[in-house]
N, C-alpha and C. Protein backbone atom coordinates (compact mmCIF):
# COMPACT_ATOMS: atom_id res chain seq x y z
N MET A 1 21.63 16.56 -166.43
CA MET A 1 22.29 16.65 -167.53
C MET A 1 21.82 17.75 -168.40
N MET A 2 20.48 17.71 -168.52
CA MET A 2 19.75 18.80 -169.28
C MET A 2 19.84 20.06 -168.57
N GLY A 3 19.74 20.13 -167.24
CA GLY A 3 19.95 21.42 -166.63
C GLY A 3 21.33 22.08 -166.81
N GLU A 4 22.41 21.17 -166.63
CA GLU A 4 23.72 21.63 -166.95
C GLU A 4 23.88 22.06 -168.38
N LYS A 5 23.27 21.47 -169.46
CA LYS A 5 23.25 21.90 -170.74
C LYS A 5 22.56 23.41 -171.02
N LEU A 6 21.55 23.37 -170.29
CA LEU A 6 20.78 24.88 -170.27
C LEU A 6 21.62 25.87 -169.65
N LYS A 7 22.34 25.60 -168.50
CA LYS A 7 23.19 26.56 -167.88
C LYS A 7 24.26 26.90 -168.78
N THR A 8 24.90 25.99 -169.45
CA THR A 8 26.00 26.34 -170.36
C THR A 8 25.63 27.14 -171.61
N ILE A 9 24.41 26.82 -172.03
CA ILE A 9 23.74 27.65 -173.06
C ILE A 9 23.64 29.16 -172.64
N ARG A 10 23.15 29.22 -171.42
CA ARG A 10 22.90 30.49 -170.82
C ARG A 10 24.16 31.32 -170.70
N LEU A 11 25.21 30.67 -170.05
CA LEU A 11 26.44 31.18 -169.88
C LEU A 11 27.16 31.63 -171.11
N ASN A 12 27.06 30.72 -172.06
CA ASN A 12 27.77 30.90 -173.39
C ASN A 12 27.26 32.11 -174.01
N ASN A 13 25.97 32.38 -173.65
CA ASN A 13 25.43 33.63 -174.48
C ASN A 13 25.53 34.84 -173.48
N ASN A 14 26.17 34.69 -172.33
CA ASN A 14 26.42 35.71 -171.38
C ASN A 14 25.10 36.30 -170.95
N ILE A 15 24.01 35.40 -170.64
CA ILE A 15 22.83 35.73 -170.03
C ILE A 15 22.79 35.47 -168.48
N THR A 16 22.40 36.46 -167.78
CA THR A 16 22.16 36.28 -166.30
C THR A 16 20.99 35.77 -166.07
N ARG A 17 20.75 35.05 -164.85
CA ARG A 17 19.51 34.42 -164.52
C ARG A 17 18.36 35.51 -164.67
N ASP A 18 18.70 36.74 -164.21
CA ASP A 18 17.74 37.77 -164.08
C ASP A 18 17.30 38.11 -165.43
N GLN A 19 18.22 38.23 -166.38
CA GLN A 19 17.78 38.52 -167.81
C GLN A 19 16.96 37.28 -168.38
N LEU A 20 17.34 36.06 -168.00
CA LEU A 20 16.56 34.96 -168.54
C LEU A 20 15.10 35.00 -167.96
N ARG A 21 15.05 35.43 -166.58
CA ARG A 21 13.77 35.58 -166.05
C ARG A 21 12.95 36.63 -166.81
N GLN A 22 13.46 37.64 -167.11
CA GLN A 22 12.77 38.83 -167.84
C GLN A 22 12.25 38.30 -169.29
N ALA A 23 13.15 37.47 -169.91
CA ALA A 23 12.96 36.89 -171.24
C ALA A 23 11.97 35.78 -171.24
N SER A 24 11.96 35.05 -170.21
CA SER A 24 10.99 33.95 -170.13
C SER A 24 9.77 33.98 -169.26
N GLY A 25 9.81 34.92 -168.18
CA GLY A 25 8.82 34.91 -167.25
C GLY A 25 8.77 33.92 -166.19
N VAL A 26 10.01 33.35 -166.10
CA VAL A 26 10.17 32.17 -165.11
C VAL A 26 10.97 32.80 -163.95
N HIS A 27 10.52 32.50 -162.74
CA HIS A 27 11.30 33.02 -161.55
C HIS A 27 12.67 32.59 -161.44
N VAL A 28 13.59 33.36 -160.81
CA VAL A 28 14.97 33.05 -160.88
C VAL A 28 15.25 31.75 -160.10
N LYS A 29 14.47 31.59 -159.04
CA LYS A 29 14.65 30.31 -158.22
C LYS A 29 14.37 29.10 -159.06
N THR A 30 13.37 29.13 -159.85
CA THR A 30 12.84 28.11 -160.82
C THR A 30 13.94 27.78 -161.90
N ILE A 31 14.53 28.91 -162.19
CA ILE A 31 15.61 28.75 -163.22
C ILE A 31 16.81 28.03 -162.63
N GLY A 32 17.10 28.44 -161.47
CA GLY A 32 18.23 27.86 -160.70
C GLY A 32 17.76 26.22 -160.33
N ASP A 33 16.47 26.00 -160.06
CA ASP A 33 16.08 24.46 -159.83
C ASP A 33 16.30 23.77 -161.21
N LEU A 34 15.95 24.34 -162.33
CA LEU A 34 16.04 23.76 -163.58
C LEU A 34 17.50 23.34 -163.72
N GLU A 35 18.33 24.43 -163.56
CA GLU A 35 19.84 24.24 -163.97
C GLU A 35 20.49 23.19 -162.91
N SER A 36 19.88 23.03 -161.75
CA SER A 36 20.53 22.09 -160.81
C SER A 36 19.95 20.71 -160.92
N GLY A 37 19.02 20.50 -161.76
CA GLY A 37 18.36 19.14 -162.10
C GLY A 37 17.09 18.78 -161.36
N LYS A 38 16.60 19.87 -160.73
CA LYS A 38 15.38 19.51 -159.95
C LYS A 38 14.19 19.46 -160.91
N ASN A 39 13.05 18.84 -160.56
CA ASN A 39 11.95 18.61 -161.43
C ASN A 39 11.23 20.00 -161.64
N VAL A 40 11.10 20.32 -162.91
CA VAL A 40 10.07 21.43 -163.26
C VAL A 40 9.21 20.95 -164.32
N THR A 41 8.15 21.66 -164.57
CA THR A 41 7.18 21.33 -165.50
C THR A 41 7.53 21.46 -166.90
N LEU A 42 6.97 20.92 -167.86
CA LEU A 42 7.27 21.02 -169.24
C LEU A 42 7.11 22.38 -169.76
N SER A 43 6.03 22.95 -169.27
CA SER A 43 5.68 24.37 -169.60
C SER A 43 6.98 25.35 -169.23
N THR A 44 7.42 25.13 -167.98
CA THR A 44 8.52 25.91 -167.51
C THR A 44 9.82 25.69 -168.44
N LEU A 45 10.02 24.38 -168.76
CA LEU A 45 11.13 24.12 -169.64
C LEU A 45 11.01 24.72 -171.01
N ILE A 46 9.74 24.83 -171.60
CA ILE A 46 9.55 25.43 -172.82
C ILE A 46 9.74 27.06 -172.73
N ALA A 47 9.28 27.55 -171.57
CA ALA A 47 9.46 29.06 -171.35
C ALA A 47 10.83 29.30 -171.13
N VAL A 48 11.75 28.65 -170.51
CA VAL A 48 13.20 28.81 -170.53
C VAL A 48 13.84 28.72 -171.88
N LEU A 49 13.52 27.63 -172.75
CA LEU A 49 14.10 27.49 -173.90
C LEU A 49 13.65 28.57 -174.88
N ARG A 50 12.40 29.10 -174.79
CA ARG A 50 11.96 30.41 -175.49
C ARG A 50 12.76 31.57 -175.19
N GLY A 51 13.22 31.65 -173.74
CA GLY A 51 13.74 32.92 -173.29
C GLY A 51 15.12 32.74 -173.86
N LEU A 52 15.70 31.64 -173.85
CA LEU A 52 17.17 31.42 -174.40
C LEU A 52 17.28 31.28 -175.90
N ARG A 53 16.01 31.40 -176.58
CA ARG A 53 15.91 31.42 -178.13
C ARG A 53 16.31 30.15 -178.62
N ARG A 54 16.14 29.06 -177.89
CA ARG A 54 16.63 27.69 -178.24
C ARG A 54 15.44 26.68 -178.23
N LEU A 55 14.28 27.10 -178.59
CA LEU A 55 13.13 26.19 -178.50
C LEU A 55 13.32 25.17 -179.65
N ASN A 56 14.15 25.35 -180.67
CA ASN A 56 14.43 24.41 -181.54
C ASN A 56 15.08 23.04 -181.01
N LEU A 57 15.49 23.06 -179.73
CA LEU A 57 16.03 21.98 -179.10
C LEU A 57 14.98 20.81 -178.94
N LEU A 58 13.78 21.29 -178.92
CA LEU A 58 12.67 20.22 -178.83
C LEU A 58 12.28 19.62 -180.15
N ASP A 59 12.80 20.01 -181.39
CA ASP A 59 12.49 19.63 -182.53
C ASP A 59 12.63 18.01 -182.71
N CYS A 60 13.53 17.51 -182.07
CA CYS A 60 13.82 16.19 -182.23
C CYS A 60 12.73 15.29 -181.47
N LEU A 61 11.87 15.88 -180.60
CA LEU A 61 10.82 15.15 -180.02
C LEU A 61 9.65 15.09 -181.21
N LEU A 62 9.64 15.88 -182.06
CA LEU A 62 8.54 16.09 -183.07
C LEU A 62 8.88 15.14 -184.27
N GLU A 63 9.98 14.57 -184.36
CA GLU A 63 10.31 13.73 -185.53
C GLU A 63 9.50 12.41 -185.54
N ASP A 64 9.19 12.05 -186.77
CA ASP A 64 8.30 10.90 -186.82
C ASP A 64 9.05 9.53 -186.55
N GLU A 65 8.59 8.77 -185.55
CA GLU A 65 9.46 7.60 -185.15
C GLU A 65 9.26 6.51 -186.25
N GLY A 66 8.03 6.33 -186.90
CA GLY A 66 7.96 5.37 -187.81
C GLY A 66 7.72 3.98 -187.19
N ILE A 67 7.50 2.94 -187.82
CA ILE A 67 7.36 1.70 -187.35
C ILE A 67 8.39 0.77 -187.82
N SER A 68 8.93 -0.18 -187.00
CA SER A 68 9.99 -0.97 -187.49
C SER A 68 9.48 -1.99 -188.61
N PRO A 69 10.25 -2.27 -189.59
CA PRO A 69 9.79 -3.24 -190.66
C PRO A 69 9.37 -4.64 -190.14
N ILE A 70 10.01 -4.95 -189.03
CA ILE A 70 9.56 -6.37 -188.53
C ILE A 70 8.04 -6.26 -188.01
N LEU A 71 7.90 -5.13 -187.18
CA LEU A 71 6.58 -5.00 -186.68
C LEU A 71 5.48 -4.72 -187.80
N ALA A 72 5.98 -3.92 -188.74
CA ALA A 72 5.05 -3.60 -189.91
C ALA A 72 4.66 -4.98 -190.64
N TYR A 73 5.54 -5.79 -190.77
CA TYR A 73 5.30 -7.15 -191.35
C TYR A 73 4.22 -7.96 -190.49
N LYS A 74 4.62 -8.06 -189.11
CA LYS A 74 3.69 -8.75 -188.23
C LYS A 74 2.37 -8.17 -188.07
N MET A 75 2.32 -6.94 -188.30
CA MET A 75 0.90 -6.11 -188.13
C MET A 75 0.31 -6.10 -189.54
N GLN A 76 0.98 -6.67 -190.65
CA GLN A 76 0.47 -6.61 -191.86
C GLN A 76 -0.06 -5.36 -192.37
N GLY A 77 0.72 -4.27 -192.12
CA GLY A 77 0.51 -3.02 -192.50
C GLY A 77 -0.29 -2.12 -191.65
N ARG A 78 -0.85 -2.76 -190.55
CA ARG A 78 -1.76 -2.10 -189.62
C ARG A 78 -0.87 -1.36 -188.56
N ALA A 79 -1.03 -0.12 -188.25
CA ALA A 79 -0.39 0.57 -187.18
C ALA A 79 -0.72 0.07 -185.93
N PRO A 80 0.13 -0.08 -184.76
CA PRO A 80 -0.35 -0.57 -183.56
C PRO A 80 -1.26 0.48 -182.91
N LYS A 81 -2.18 -0.02 -182.10
CA LYS A 81 -3.26 0.91 -181.50
C LYS A 81 -2.85 1.16 -180.16
N ARG A 82 -2.13 0.09 -179.44
CA ARG A 82 -1.82 0.38 -178.07
C ARG A 82 -0.50 -0.56 -177.82
N ALA A 83 0.25 -0.35 -176.76
CA ALA A 83 1.41 -1.13 -176.30
C ALA A 83 0.86 -2.22 -175.52
N THR A 84 1.51 -3.37 -175.75
CA THR A 84 1.22 -4.53 -174.90
C THR A 84 1.93 -4.73 -173.56
N GLY A 85 3.09 -3.97 -173.45
CA GLY A 85 3.75 -3.93 -172.20
C GLY A 85 4.70 -5.15 -172.36
N ARG A 86 4.75 -5.94 -173.32
CA ARG A 86 5.70 -6.98 -173.60
C ARG A 86 6.67 -6.66 -174.74
N SER A 87 7.88 -6.98 -174.42
CA SER A 87 8.87 -6.76 -175.34
C SER A 87 9.51 -7.86 -175.79
N SER A 88 10.12 -7.95 -177.06
CA SER A 88 11.14 -8.94 -177.30
C SER A 88 12.51 -8.79 -176.77
N ASP A 89 13.19 -9.75 -176.81
CA ASP A 89 14.66 -9.65 -176.33
C ASP A 89 15.32 -8.60 -176.91
N ALA A 90 15.20 -8.35 -178.24
CA ALA A 90 15.98 -7.37 -179.04
C ALA A 90 15.57 -5.91 -178.53
N GLN A 91 14.17 -5.81 -178.29
CA GLN A 91 13.76 -4.50 -177.90
C GLN A 91 14.31 -4.17 -176.45
N ASN A 92 14.26 -5.23 -175.55
CA ASN A 92 14.87 -5.08 -174.23
C ASN A 92 16.30 -4.62 -174.30
N ARG A 93 17.22 -5.24 -175.17
CA ARG A 93 18.56 -4.92 -175.33
C ARG A 93 18.57 -3.53 -175.80
N ARG A 94 17.82 -3.10 -176.79
CA ARG A 94 17.85 -1.74 -177.22
C ARG A 94 17.45 -0.71 -176.21
N MET A 95 16.59 -1.19 -175.28
CA MET A 95 16.15 -0.17 -174.19
C MET A 95 17.40 0.17 -173.31
N ARG A 96 18.15 -0.98 -173.03
CA ARG A 96 19.18 -0.90 -172.02
C ARG A 96 20.27 -0.01 -172.57
N LEU A 97 20.50 0.14 -173.92
CA LEU A 97 21.62 0.98 -174.41
C LEU A 97 21.36 2.23 -174.36
């Protein structure tokens, strides 16, 4: 889905793969792999987003997640240091959505 979105952005801006290659430094085949949903590295994704001038799409990953009020109460104000691997039923349901 992400590859399709990047392809749509590229086409909506009337940018050829070769022009994106020049702007990002990423090989044309790798751009095609990304657009078709194949695995690419994070650095490649960042380079392509930079070439499309859409690096801001990663901003949502930098937002502060914060801690849930229930977990904060259970932890008595202490932040968790590691994940236990166990989840409550409510957390499991949220993960499935």
